[in-house]
């Protein structure tokens, strides 16, 4: 059965990558296959997760590249070598330029730990998103899977899931709940949805 080749770009622990691997194993993602995991950080634990599951890994270190263009071109070369049709940013800590996003228009998705357009854009990542949600006093937060363009968190929304904020939440507690209740559910769903559509387009 034909599947869509997927690349996952990571920088850290790879909890979202793990959710994708688990979803692939359980059959939630049935029309896509993770072919390669690319990291901009050689010590990212996500690389260990990939290797343990028999997935090919590649590392592209920004400061070893001539400039941003060279960095992105090296990633593109890996994507082309692996015939990648869908790119998933799973905690990838680099903003991609238009040079990259235009080349893979509607083929790059990201998961963001808030309900966009709240608490998003440049500088909003990791715990900072949850700190701001708590500081603002919102009663509901969540996660968003969206297409990636050259504007940070600016692409078209694919899926969202709301998560309640509870009394006594700290940014760390909230971060964990948003991951478990939203990110790890909607990211695999979105991957499957897009892979299914890409296969239909090819038919």
N, C-alpha and C. Protein backbone atom coordinates (compact mmCIF):
# COMPACT_ATOMS: atom_id res chain seq x y z
N UNK A 1 0.83 -1.21 0.00
CA UNK A 1 0.00 0.00 0.00
C UNK A 1 0.87 1.26 0.00
N UNK A 2 0.54 2.18 -0.88
CA UNK A 2 1.31 3.42 -1.00
C UNK A 2 1.10 4.31 0.22
N UNK A 3 2.20 4.87 0.70
CA UNK A 3 2.12 5.80 1.83
C UNK A 3 2.85 7.09 1.51
N UNK A 4 2.46 8.14 2.21
CA UNK A 4 3.12 9.44 2.05
C UNK A 4 4.37 9.45 2.93
N UNK A 5 5.50 9.86 2.34
CA UNK A 5 6.74 9.95 3.12
C UNK A 5 6.75 11.22 3.96
N UNK A 6 6.95 11.03 5.26
CA UNK A 6 6.89 12.14 6.22
C UNK A 6 8.26 12.36 6.85
N UNK A 7 8.64 13.62 7.01
CA UNK A 7 9.86 13.98 7.77
C UNK A 7 9.41 14.76 9.00
N UNK A 8 10.06 14.48 10.13
CA UNK A 8 9.75 15.23 11.35
C UNK A 8 11.00 16.01 11.74
N UNK A 9 10.82 17.34 11.92
CA UNK A 9 11.93 18.21 12.31
C UNK A 9 11.82 18.51 13.80
N UNK A 10 12.92 18.28 14.52
CA UNK A 10 12.91 18.36 15.98
C UNK A 10 14.11 19.16 16.50
N UNK A 11 13.98 19.58 17.77
CA UNK A 11 15.10 20.26 18.42
C UNK A 11 15.36 19.72 19.83
N UNK A 12 14.36 19.06 20.41
CA UNK A 12 14.48 18.70 21.83
C UNK A 12 14.09 17.29 22.17
N UNK A 13 13.24 17.17 23.19
CA UNK A 13 12.90 15.87 23.77
C UNK A 13 12.11 14.94 22.89
N UNK A 14 11.33 15.50 21.98
CA UNK A 14 10.62 14.67 21.01
C UNK A 14 9.36 14.00 21.53
N UNK A 15 8.64 14.65 22.46
CA UNK A 15 7.40 14.04 22.95
C UNK A 15 6.34 14.00 21.85
N UNK A 16 6.29 15.04 21.01
CA UNK A 16 5.35 15.04 19.89
C UNK A 16 5.75 14.01 18.83
N UNK A 17 7.05 13.85 18.65
CA UNK A 17 7.53 12.81 17.74
C UNK A 17 7.07 11.43 18.24
N UNK A 18 7.19 11.22 19.55
CA UNK A 18 6.77 9.95 20.15
C UNK A 18 5.28 9.71 19.91
N UNK A 19 4.48 10.77 20.04
CA UNK A 19 3.04 10.65 19.79
C UNK A 19 2.77 10.23 18.35
N UNK A 20 3.58 10.73 17.42
CA UNK A 20 3.43 10.37 16.01
C UNK A 20 3.85 8.92 15.76
N UNK A 21 4.96 8.51 16.40
CA UNK A 21 5.43 7.13 16.26
C UNK A 21 4.38 6.17 16.80
N UNK A 22 3.83 6.49 17.98
CA UNK A 22 2.80 5.65 18.60
C UNK A 22 1.55 5.58 17.71
N UNK A 23 1.19 6.72 17.12
CA UNK A 23 0.00 6.77 16.25
C UNK A 23 0.20 5.97 14.97
N UNK A 24 1.45 5.93 14.52
CA UNK A 24 1.78 5.14 13.32
C UNK A 24 1.64 3.65 13.66
N UNK A 25 2.13 3.28 14.83
CA UNK A 25 2.08 1.87 15.27
C UNK A 25 0.64 1.42 15.52
N UNK A 26 -0.17 2.30 16.09
CA UNK A 26 -1.54 1.91 16.45
C UNK A 26 -2.52 2.02 15.27
N UNK A 27 -2.03 2.59 14.15
CA UNK A 27 -2.88 2.66 12.96
C UNK A 27 -3.70 3.93 12.85
N UNK A 28 -3.48 4.89 13.76
CA UNK A 28 -4.15 6.20 13.63
C UNK A 28 -3.61 6.88 12.37
N UNK A 29 -2.27 6.81 12.22
CA UNK A 29 -1.66 7.29 10.97
C UNK A 29 -1.46 6.05 10.10
N UNK A 30 -2.32 5.91 9.09
CA UNK A 30 -2.19 4.72 8.23
C UNK A 30 -1.75 5.06 6.80
N UNK A 31 -1.87 6.34 6.44
CA UNK A 31 -1.52 6.73 5.08
C UNK A 31 -0.17 7.45 4.98
N UNK A 32 0.53 7.54 6.10
CA UNK A 32 1.82 8.20 6.10
C UNK A 32 2.85 7.37 6.85
N UNK A 33 4.13 7.60 6.52
CA UNK A 33 5.20 6.89 7.22
C UNK A 33 6.36 7.84 7.48
N UNK A 34 6.82 7.88 8.73
CA UNK A 34 7.96 8.74 9.07
C UNK A 34 9.22 8.10 8.51
N UNK A 35 9.81 8.78 7.52
CA UNK A 35 10.99 8.26 6.84
C UNK A 35 12.28 8.76 7.47
N UNK A 36 12.23 9.99 7.98
CA UNK A 36 13.46 10.58 8.53
C UNK A 36 13.11 11.61 9.61
N UNK A 37 13.96 11.67 10.63
CA UNK A 37 13.84 12.69 11.68
C UNK A 37 15.09 13.55 11.58
N UNK A 38 14.87 14.86 11.40
CA UNK A 38 16.00 15.80 11.24
C UNK A 38 16.04 16.74 12.44
N UNK A 39 17.22 16.86 13.03
CA UNK A 39 17.37 17.74 14.20
C UNK A 39 18.43 18.80 13.96
N UNK A 40 18.22 19.98 14.56
CA UNK A 40 19.24 21.03 14.51
C UNK A 40 20.07 21.01 15.80
N UNK A 41 19.88 19.93 16.58
CA UNK A 41 20.58 19.80 17.86
C UNK A 41 21.03 18.34 17.99
N UNK A 42 22.36 18.16 17.97
CA UNK A 42 22.92 16.80 17.96
C UNK A 42 22.57 16.00 19.22
N UNK A 43 22.28 16.71 20.32
CA UNK A 43 22.00 15.98 21.57
C UNK A 43 20.50 15.90 21.89
N UNK A 44 19.66 16.18 20.89
CA UNK A 44 18.21 16.11 21.10
C UNK A 44 17.79 14.67 21.41
N UNK A 45 17.02 14.51 22.46
CA UNK A 45 16.57 13.16 22.84
C UNK A 45 15.63 12.57 21.78
N UNK A 46 15.03 13.44 20.99
CA UNK A 46 14.16 12.99 19.90
C UNK A 46 14.91 12.05 18.95
N UNK A 47 16.21 12.27 18.77
CA UNK A 47 17.02 11.41 17.89
C UNK A 47 17.11 9.99 18.45
N UNK A 48 17.19 9.91 19.77
CA UNK A 48 17.23 8.59 20.44
C UNK A 48 15.90 7.88 20.20
N UNK A 49 14.80 8.61 20.37
CA UNK A 49 13.47 8.02 20.15
C UNK A 49 13.35 7.47 18.72
N UNK A 50 13.84 8.25 17.75
CA UNK A 50 13.77 7.83 16.35
C UNK A 50 14.58 6.55 16.14
N UNK A 51 15.82 6.55 16.63
CA UNK A 51 16.70 5.39 16.45
C UNK A 51 16.11 4.14 17.09
N UNK A 52 15.54 4.30 18.28
CA UNK A 52 14.93 3.15 18.98
C UNK A 52 13.78 2.55 18.18
N UNK A 53 13.19 3.35 17.30
CA UNK A 53 12.06 2.88 16.49
C UNK A 53 12.46 2.62 15.04
N UNK A 54 13.76 2.53 14.83
CA UNK A 54 14.26 2.19 13.49
C UNK A 54 14.05 3.25 12.44
N UNK A 55 13.95 4.51 12.87
CA UNK A 55 13.75 5.60 11.90
C UNK A 55 15.10 6.29 11.66
N UNK A 56 15.37 6.57 10.41
CA UNK A 56 16.62 7.23 10.01
C UNK A 56 16.70 8.63 10.63
N UNK A 57 17.89 9.03 11.07
CA UNK A 57 18.05 10.37 11.65
C UNK A 57 19.14 11.15 10.91
N UNK A 58 18.96 12.45 10.89
CA UNK A 58 19.96 13.36 10.29
C UNK A 58 20.07 14.58 11.20
N UNK A 59 21.26 15.15 11.25
CA UNK A 59 21.48 16.36 12.05
C UNK A 59 22.07 17.46 11.17
N UNK A 60 21.47 18.64 11.27
CA UNK A 60 21.99 19.82 10.55
C UNK A 60 22.18 20.92 11.58
N UNK A 61 23.42 21.25 11.88
CA UNK A 61 23.72 22.25 12.91
C UNK A 61 23.90 23.63 12.26
N UNK A 62 23.09 24.56 12.71
CA UNK A 62 23.06 25.90 12.10
C UNK A 62 24.42 26.59 12.12
N UNK A 63 25.12 26.51 13.27
CA UNK A 63 26.38 27.28 13.34
C UNK A 63 27.51 26.64 12.52
N UNK A 64 27.27 25.44 12.02
CA UNK A 64 28.27 24.81 11.14
C UNK A 64 27.96 25.12 9.67
N UNK A 65 26.86 25.85 9.45
CA UNK A 65 26.48 26.23 8.08
C UNK A 65 26.95 27.66 7.82
N UNK A 66 27.13 27.96 6.54
CA UNK A 66 27.62 29.31 6.17
C UNK A 66 26.64 30.39 6.62
N UNK A 67 25.35 30.15 6.35
CA UNK A 67 24.30 31.10 6.70
C UNK A 67 22.96 30.37 6.75
N UNK A 68 21.90 31.13 6.93
CA UNK A 68 20.57 30.53 7.05
C UNK A 68 20.17 29.77 5.78
N UNK A 69 20.53 30.34 4.63
CA UNK A 69 20.21 29.73 3.35
C UNK A 69 20.89 28.36 3.22
N UNK A 70 22.16 28.32 3.59
CA UNK A 70 22.93 27.08 3.55
C UNK A 70 22.30 26.03 4.49
N UNK A 71 21.89 26.49 5.67
CA UNK A 71 21.25 25.62 6.67
C UNK A 71 19.97 24.99 6.09
N UNK A 72 19.14 25.85 5.51
CA UNK A 72 17.87 25.37 4.94
C UNK A 72 18.11 24.47 3.72
N UNK A 73 19.09 24.83 2.90
CA UNK A 73 19.38 24.03 1.71
C UNK A 73 19.86 22.62 2.07
N UNK A 74 20.59 22.52 3.17
CA UNK A 74 21.05 21.20 3.62
C UNK A 74 19.86 20.34 4.06
N UNK A 75 18.89 21.00 4.71
CA UNK A 75 17.68 20.27 5.12
C UNK A 75 16.89 19.85 3.87
N UNK A 76 16.76 20.77 2.92
CA UNK A 76 16.04 20.48 1.67
C UNK A 76 16.66 19.28 0.95
N UNK A 77 18.00 19.23 0.94
CA UNK A 77 18.71 18.13 0.28
C UNK A 77 18.31 16.78 0.92
N UNK A 78 18.24 16.75 2.25
CA UNK A 78 17.83 15.52 2.96
C UNK A 78 16.38 15.16 2.61
N UNK A 79 15.53 16.18 2.57
CA UNK A 79 14.11 15.96 2.25
C UNK A 79 13.96 15.38 0.84
N UNK A 80 14.75 15.92 -0.09
CA UNK A 80 14.67 15.45 -1.48
C UNK A 80 15.22 14.03 -1.61
N UNK A 81 16.30 13.75 -0.91
CA UNK A 81 16.89 12.40 -0.95
C UNK A 81 15.92 11.34 -0.44
N UNK A 82 15.03 11.75 0.47
CA UNK A 82 14.08 10.80 1.07
C UNK A 82 12.67 10.90 0.48
N UNK A 83 12.56 11.65 -0.64
CA UNK A 83 11.25 11.83 -1.32
C UNK A 83 10.13 12.23 -0.36
N UNK A 84 10.41 13.25 0.43
CA UNK A 84 9.44 13.67 1.47
C UNK A 84 8.33 14.53 0.87
N UNK A 85 7.09 14.19 1.25
CA UNK A 85 5.94 14.97 0.78
C UNK A 85 5.30 15.81 1.89
N UNK A 86 5.54 15.42 3.13
CA UNK A 86 4.97 16.17 4.26
C UNK A 86 6.02 16.37 5.34
N UNK A 87 6.14 17.61 5.81
CA UNK A 87 7.11 17.96 6.86
C UNK A 87 6.35 18.36 8.12
N UNK A 88 6.70 17.73 9.23
CA UNK A 88 6.06 18.04 10.51
C UNK A 88 7.08 18.69 11.43
N UNK A 89 6.79 19.90 11.88
CA UNK A 89 7.66 20.56 12.86
C UNK A 89 7.16 20.16 14.24
N UNK A 90 7.98 19.43 14.97
CA UNK A 90 7.58 18.96 16.29
C UNK A 90 8.58 19.49 17.31
N UNK A 91 8.34 20.74 17.75
CA UNK A 91 9.28 21.37 18.67
C UNK A 91 10.57 21.73 17.96
N UNK A 92 10.46 22.19 16.71
CA UNK A 92 11.63 22.61 15.94
C UNK A 92 11.85 24.09 16.20
N UNK A 93 13.01 24.41 16.79
CA UNK A 93 13.22 25.77 17.31
C UNK A 93 13.88 26.73 16.31
N UNK A 94 13.56 26.58 15.04
CA UNK A 94 14.09 27.52 14.05
C UNK A 94 12.93 28.05 13.22
N UNK A 95 12.92 29.34 13.00
CA UNK A 95 11.91 29.92 12.11
C UNK A 95 12.43 29.73 10.68
N UNK A 96 11.60 29.15 9.83
CA UNK A 96 12.01 28.89 8.45
C UNK A 96 11.70 30.09 7.57
N UNK A 97 12.58 30.37 6.62
CA UNK A 97 12.38 31.53 5.76
C UNK A 97 11.42 31.19 4.61
N UNK A 98 11.06 32.23 3.88
CA UNK A 98 10.14 32.09 2.75
C UNK A 98 10.73 31.18 1.68
N UNK A 99 12.05 31.21 1.54
CA UNK A 99 12.77 30.34 0.60
C UNK A 99 12.36 28.88 0.82
N UNK A 100 12.23 28.50 2.08
CA UNK A 100 11.89 27.12 2.44
C UNK A 100 10.37 26.88 2.40
N UNK A 101 9.63 27.80 3.04
CA UNK A 101 8.17 27.57 3.17
C UNK A 101 7.44 27.62 1.83
N UNK A 102 7.93 28.47 0.90
CA UNK A 102 7.29 28.55 -0.43
C UNK A 102 7.52 27.26 -1.21
N UNK A 103 8.71 26.69 -1.05
CA UNK A 103 9.06 25.46 -1.76
C UNK A 103 8.14 24.31 -1.34
N UNK A 104 7.76 24.33 -0.05
CA UNK A 104 6.91 23.25 0.47
C UNK A 104 5.55 23.79 0.92
N UNK A 105 4.99 24.64 0.10
CA UNK A 105 3.70 25.25 0.44
C UNK A 105 2.62 24.18 0.69
N UNK A 106 1.90 24.35 1.79
CA UNK A 106 0.86 23.39 2.21
C UNK A 106 1.40 21.97 2.43
N UNK A 107 2.71 21.89 2.67
CA UNK A 107 3.34 20.59 2.95
C UNK A 107 4.09 20.61 4.28
N UNK A 108 4.01 21.74 4.99
CA UNK A 108 4.68 21.85 6.30
C UNK A 108 3.62 22.17 7.35
N UNK A 109 3.61 21.37 8.43
CA UNK A 109 2.67 21.67 9.51
C UNK A 109 3.42 21.78 10.84
N UNK A 110 2.80 22.49 11.75
CA UNK A 110 3.39 22.71 13.07
C UNK A 110 2.29 22.57 14.12
N UNK A 111 2.69 22.16 15.32
CA UNK A 111 1.72 22.16 16.43
C UNK A 111 2.17 23.25 17.40
N UNK A 112 1.21 24.09 17.79
CA UNK A 112 1.50 25.20 18.71
C UNK A 112 0.65 25.04 19.97
N UNK A 113 1.25 25.23 21.16
CA UNK A 113 0.53 24.95 22.40
C UNK A 113 -0.42 26.04 22.91
N UNK A 114 -1.22 26.60 21.99
CA UNK A 114 -2.29 27.52 22.40
C UNK A 114 -3.34 27.51 21.31
N UNK A 115 -4.46 28.18 21.57
CA UNK A 115 -5.49 28.31 20.54
C UNK A 115 -5.17 29.57 19.73
N UNK A 116 -4.49 29.38 18.63
CA UNK A 116 -4.15 30.52 17.77
C UNK A 116 -5.46 31.23 17.38
N UNK A 117 -5.59 32.56 17.40
CA UNK A 117 -4.52 33.56 17.44
C UNK A 117 -4.06 34.01 18.84
N UNK A 118 -4.43 33.32 19.88
CA UNK A 118 -3.94 33.72 21.21
C UNK A 118 -2.53 33.19 21.46
N UNK A 119 -1.71 33.99 22.13
CA UNK A 119 -0.39 33.56 22.62
C UNK A 119 0.43 32.85 21.55
N UNK A 120 0.62 33.55 20.44
CA UNK A 120 1.41 32.94 19.37
C UNK A 120 2.25 34.00 18.68
N UNK A 121 3.03 33.58 17.72
CA UNK A 121 3.90 34.49 16.99
C UNK A 121 5.32 34.40 17.51
N UNK A 122 6.15 35.29 17.04
CA UNK A 122 7.57 35.23 17.39
C UNK A 122 7.80 35.33 18.90
N UNK A 123 8.65 34.47 19.40
CA UNK A 123 8.98 34.49 20.83
C UNK A 123 8.04 33.66 21.70
N UNK A 124 6.93 33.24 21.12
CA UNK A 124 5.99 32.41 21.89
C UNK A 124 6.24 30.93 21.63
N UNK A 125 6.98 30.33 22.52
CA UNK A 125 7.21 28.88 22.41
C UNK A 125 7.48 28.33 23.80
N UNK A 126 7.36 27.01 23.92
CA UNK A 126 7.66 26.36 25.19
C UNK A 126 6.80 26.89 26.33
N UNK A 127 7.42 27.00 27.50
CA UNK A 127 6.68 27.40 28.71
C UNK A 127 6.12 28.80 28.64
N UNK A 128 6.76 29.66 27.85
CA UNK A 128 6.32 31.06 27.78
C UNK A 128 4.84 31.17 27.38
N UNK A 129 4.40 30.29 26.48
CA UNK A 129 3.00 30.31 26.01
C UNK A 129 2.07 30.09 27.21
N UNK A 130 2.39 29.10 28.03
CA UNK A 130 1.54 28.74 29.17
C UNK A 130 1.62 29.79 30.28
N UNK A 131 2.81 30.36 30.45
CA UNK A 131 2.98 31.45 31.44
C UNK A 131 2.06 32.61 31.09
N UNK A 132 2.03 32.96 29.80
CA UNK A 132 1.20 34.09 29.35
C UNK A 132 -0.29 33.79 29.49
N UNK A 133 -0.68 32.55 29.18
CA UNK A 133 -2.09 32.17 29.30
C UNK A 133 -2.56 32.30 30.75
N UNK A 134 -1.71 31.86 31.68
CA UNK A 134 -2.06 31.94 33.10
C UNK A 134 -2.06 33.39 33.57
N UNK A 135 -1.07 34.15 33.12
CA UNK A 135 -0.95 35.55 33.51
C UNK A 135 -2.18 36.35 33.04
N UNK A 136 -2.65 36.01 31.86
CA UNK A 136 -3.79 36.70 31.27
C UNK A 136 -5.10 36.31 31.95
N UNK A 137 -5.10 35.10 32.53
CA UNK A 137 -6.30 34.64 33.23
C UNK A 137 -7.34 33.98 32.35
N UNK A 138 -6.93 33.52 31.15
CA UNK A 138 -7.92 32.84 30.30
C UNK A 138 -8.37 31.54 30.97
N UNK A 139 -9.58 31.13 30.70
CA UNK A 139 -10.14 29.93 31.34
C UNK A 139 -9.93 28.69 30.47
N UNK A 140 -9.68 28.93 29.18
CA UNK A 140 -9.50 27.84 28.24
C UNK A 140 -8.27 28.11 27.39
N UNK A 141 -7.44 27.10 27.23
CA UNK A 141 -6.32 27.19 26.30
C UNK A 141 -6.41 25.96 25.41
N UNK A 142 -5.30 25.50 24.86
CA UNK A 142 -5.37 24.31 24.03
C UNK A 142 -4.18 24.22 23.10
N UNK A 143 -4.39 23.58 21.96
CA UNK A 143 -3.32 23.44 20.97
C UNK A 143 -3.90 23.61 19.57
N UNK A 144 -3.03 24.00 18.65
CA UNK A 144 -3.42 24.24 17.26
C UNK A 144 -2.41 23.57 16.33
N UNK A 145 -2.92 22.86 15.34
CA UNK A 145 -2.05 22.38 14.26
C UNK A 145 -2.35 23.28 13.07
N UNK A 146 -1.29 23.84 12.49
CA UNK A 146 -1.49 24.77 11.38
C UNK A 146 -0.43 24.57 10.30
N UNK A 147 -0.76 25.03 9.10
CA UNK A 147 0.24 25.04 8.03
C UNK A 147 1.27 26.11 8.36
N UNK A 148 2.49 25.89 7.88
CA UNK A 148 3.59 26.82 8.17
C UNK A 148 3.86 27.68 6.94
N UNK A 149 3.89 29.01 7.18
CA UNK A 149 4.37 29.92 6.14
C UNK A 149 5.49 30.76 6.75
N UNK A 150 5.88 31.84 6.05
CA UNK A 150 7.04 32.60 6.55
C UNK A 150 6.74 33.44 7.79
N UNK A 151 5.46 33.54 8.17
CA UNK A 151 5.09 34.28 9.39
C UNK A 151 4.97 33.29 10.54
N UNK A 152 5.64 33.57 11.65
CA UNK A 152 5.59 32.65 12.81
C UNK A 152 4.15 32.42 13.25
N UNK A 153 3.73 31.17 13.25
CA UNK A 153 2.36 30.76 13.63
C UNK A 153 1.28 31.43 12.77
N UNK A 154 1.64 31.80 11.55
CA UNK A 154 0.71 32.57 10.72
C UNK A 154 -0.05 31.79 9.67
N UNK A 155 0.24 30.51 9.53
CA UNK A 155 -0.41 29.72 8.46
C UNK A 155 -1.82 29.29 8.81
N UNK A 156 -2.51 28.78 7.80
CA UNK A 156 -3.91 28.35 7.93
C UNK A 156 -4.06 27.26 9.00
N UNK A 157 -5.11 27.41 9.81
CA UNK A 157 -5.37 26.45 10.90
C UNK A 157 -5.97 25.17 10.33
N UNK A 158 -5.46 24.03 10.81
CA UNK A 158 -5.97 22.72 10.37
C UNK A 158 -6.88 22.12 11.44
N UNK A 159 -6.38 22.01 12.66
CA UNK A 159 -7.16 21.46 13.77
C UNK A 159 -6.86 22.22 15.06
N UNK A 160 -7.85 22.31 15.93
CA UNK A 160 -7.64 22.88 17.26
C UNK A 160 -8.36 22.02 18.29
N UNK A 161 -7.81 22.01 19.49
CA UNK A 161 -8.50 21.31 20.58
C UNK A 161 -8.33 22.14 21.85
N UNK A 162 -9.45 22.36 22.53
CA UNK A 162 -9.43 23.18 23.75
C UNK A 162 -9.10 22.34 24.98
N UNK A 163 -8.43 22.98 25.93
CA UNK A 163 -8.08 22.35 27.21
C UNK A 163 -8.42 23.36 28.31
N UNK A 164 -9.10 22.89 29.33
CA UNK A 164 -9.48 23.78 30.43
C UNK A 164 -8.29 24.12 31.32
N UNK A 165 -8.30 25.35 31.80
CA UNK A 165 -7.31 25.76 32.79
C UNK A 165 -7.94 25.57 34.17
N UNK A 166 -7.21 24.93 35.06
CA UNK A 166 -7.74 24.61 36.38
C UNK A 166 -7.08 25.45 37.46
N UNK A 167 -7.79 25.62 38.58
CA UNK A 167 -7.21 26.35 39.71
C UNK A 167 -5.92 25.66 40.14
N UNK A 168 -4.93 26.46 40.45
CA UNK A 168 -3.68 25.88 40.94
C UNK A 168 -2.73 25.45 39.83
N UNK A 169 -3.12 25.71 38.58
CA UNK A 169 -2.22 25.35 37.47
C UNK A 169 -0.95 26.19 37.51
N UNK A 170 0.17 25.52 37.26
CA UNK A 170 1.44 26.22 37.04
C UNK A 170 1.72 26.07 35.55
N UNK A 171 2.65 26.86 35.00
CA UNK A 171 2.97 26.69 33.58
C UNK A 171 3.36 25.24 33.24
N UNK A 172 4.10 24.59 34.15
CA UNK A 172 4.56 23.21 33.90
C UNK A 172 3.39 22.22 33.88
N UNK A 173 2.47 22.38 34.83
CA UNK A 173 1.31 21.48 34.91
C UNK A 173 0.43 21.67 33.66
N UNK A 174 0.24 22.94 33.31
CA UNK A 174 -0.59 23.26 32.15
C UNK A 174 0.05 22.73 30.86
N UNK A 175 1.35 22.90 30.74
CA UNK A 175 2.08 22.42 29.56
C UNK A 175 1.85 20.92 29.36
N UNK A 176 1.93 20.16 30.46
CA UNK A 176 1.76 18.71 30.41
C UNK A 176 0.32 18.35 29.99
N UNK A 177 -0.66 19.07 30.57
CA UNK A 177 -2.06 18.78 30.24
C UNK A 177 -2.36 19.10 28.77
N UNK A 178 -1.83 20.22 28.29
CA UNK A 178 -2.07 20.60 26.89
C UNK A 178 -1.44 19.56 25.95
N UNK A 179 -0.26 19.06 26.31
CA UNK A 179 0.37 18.02 25.50
C UNK A 179 -0.50 16.76 25.46
N UNK A 180 -0.85 16.28 26.66
CA UNK A 180 -1.57 15.00 26.78
C UNK A 180 -2.97 15.07 26.18
N UNK A 181 -3.69 16.17 26.46
CA UNK A 181 -5.10 16.25 26.04
C UNK A 181 -5.29 16.82 24.63
N UNK A 182 -4.31 17.58 24.15
CA UNK A 182 -4.51 18.23 22.85
C UNK A 182 -3.42 17.90 21.83
N UNK A 183 -2.18 18.31 22.11
CA UNK A 183 -1.11 18.16 21.11
C UNK A 183 -0.96 16.73 20.60
N UNK A 184 -0.87 15.78 21.55
CA UNK A 184 -0.61 14.39 21.15
C UNK A 184 -1.80 13.74 20.45
N UNK A 185 -2.96 14.39 20.51
CA UNK A 185 -4.14 13.87 19.82
C UNK A 185 -4.31 14.49 18.43
N UNK A 186 -4.24 15.83 18.38
CA UNK A 186 -4.55 16.47 17.09
C UNK A 186 -3.40 16.43 16.09
N UNK A 187 -2.16 16.32 16.57
CA UNK A 187 -1.04 16.27 15.61
C UNK A 187 -1.11 14.99 14.76
N UNK A 188 -1.25 13.80 15.38
CA UNK A 188 -1.40 12.59 14.56
C UNK A 188 -2.64 12.63 13.66
N UNK A 189 -3.75 13.18 14.19
CA UNK A 189 -4.99 13.29 13.38
C UNK A 189 -4.75 14.13 12.13
N UNK A 190 -4.05 15.25 12.32
CA UNK A 190 -3.77 16.16 11.20
C UNK A 190 -2.86 15.48 10.18
N UNK A 191 -1.85 14.77 10.66
CA UNK A 191 -0.92 14.07 9.76
C UNK A 191 -1.69 13.06 8.90
N UNK A 192 -2.55 12.28 9.54
CA UNK A 192 -3.33 11.28 8.81
C UNK A 192 -4.24 11.95 7.77
N UNK A 193 -4.91 13.02 8.21
CA UNK A 193 -5.84 13.75 7.34
C UNK A 193 -5.14 14.26 6.07
N UNK A 194 -3.97 14.87 6.27
CA UNK A 194 -3.22 15.44 5.14
C UNK A 194 -2.68 14.34 4.24
N UNK A 195 -2.15 13.27 4.85
CA UNK A 195 -1.60 12.16 4.05
C UNK A 195 -2.69 11.53 3.18
N UNK A 196 -3.87 11.36 3.77
CA UNK A 196 -5.00 10.80 3.05
C UNK A 196 -5.35 11.68 1.84
N UNK A 197 -5.37 13.00 2.07
CA UNK A 197 -5.67 13.93 0.98
C UNK A 197 -4.60 13.95 -0.10
N UNK A 198 -3.32 13.87 0.33
CA UNK A 198 -2.23 13.86 -0.65
C UNK A 198 -2.29 12.62 -1.53
N UNK A 199 -2.64 11.48 -0.94
CA UNK A 199 -2.76 10.24 -1.72
C UNK A 199 -3.91 10.35 -2.73
N UNK A 200 -5.01 10.97 -2.30
CA UNK A 200 -6.16 11.16 -3.20
C UNK A 200 -5.79 12.04 -4.39
N UNK A 201 -5.01 13.08 -4.11
CA UNK A 201 -4.58 14.00 -5.18
C UNK A 201 -3.72 13.29 -6.22
N UNK A 202 -2.95 12.32 -5.75
CA UNK A 202 -2.05 11.60 -6.66
C UNK A 202 -2.79 10.60 -7.54
N UNK A 203 -3.98 10.18 -7.09
CA UNK A 203 -4.72 9.15 -7.82
C UNK A 203 -5.30 9.66 -9.15
